[in-house]
Amino acid sequence: MTRDVKEIFAGEAPPAPAALAAKVRTLAPSMTRSMQRVAEAVAADPAGCAALTVTGLAELTGTSEATVVRTARLLGYPGYRDLRLALAGLAAQQQSGRAPAVTADIAVDDPIADVVAKLAYDEQQTLADTAAGLDMAQLSAAVGALAAARRIDIYGQGASGLVAQDLAQKLLRIGLIAHAHSDPHLAVTNAVQLRAKDVAISITHSGSTGDVIEPLRVAFEHGATTVAITGRPDGPVTQYADHILTTSTARESELRPAAMSSRTSQLLVVDCLFVGVAQRTYATAAPALSASYEALAHRHSPRGRAR
């Protein structure tokens, strides 16, 4: 099974104006250079581009009218007219709100207070972009598969491995059988055992981490329902994913590597999955969660601590 960007976003409603910038950040790496110029132009100056005809935007970006139309469609709009309407809406929103006081760029000599403010702003933007770009149908389908799963395997490496562990621990506490695998060999040998009523999840910001793609492929080929949580909806991992949950692709800098921003967006998706599953399985999840709290309560009590 293979999927390209057009298939991933086929049938979706055009993104709301507020989601346009997030869509550009997510899809830009997979675009041709000429399409990137169009996408970057509309994201940088929505008001100015909204006033341009398709010919005008093509001339501004040094591309062709066909490239402008293709870019609009890739971003989720039926045509350029729909993209212009979204740009006008985004420009109106920006003019009515206050511009952020800080940027996400952190300098070596920034005071720690500025670092905190910049990181907080960038984290907020990452979360907002991820929420805006999440496909609710895909999320709901993934939640349904997890809620009914006999067994859940989760694959992740590095920072994504920490997110995989977080999801596994959450699911275990509501009574589901879930395991996080950071060892690629162990991940594959476990994936071989998965069947139709099982779920396998790969978490990879780049979408091209071989150590999480391989076990997902094996799980997919053995009939398990597969889910990819990735910042690249066109990445190789999505070839073996029944459901794709896209995270924000935030800007990377020397002092703030991609692992930090990707983890923020991945944790949001993980929390959405967990809460959704807890809702679907509330009759069993609530008692299981209460039991886990009770089992650990003595460890948080001064009287229960070893002397």
Foldseek 3Di string as FASTA:
>chain_A
DADALCRQLPPPAQFALVLLLQLLQLCLVVDDPLLNLLSVVCNVQLPVVLPDDLCRSCVVSVHDSVSNQVSCVSNPDNGVNRVSVSSVVNVVVPVVDDDDPAELDDDPPDDVVNNVVNVVVLLVVQQVNLVSPWDPVLLLVLLVLQLQAQAEEEEDEDLRLVLQVVLQVLCVLQPHHYDYDDDLVVLQVVLLPAAQSYEYEYEDAALEPPSRLNSLQNNLVRNYAYEYEYSHCRHPSVRSHPGYRHGGQDDADPVRHRSVSSSSRSNVSSVSSSVSSCVVPVVRRVVSNVVVCVVCVLVVDPVSDDD
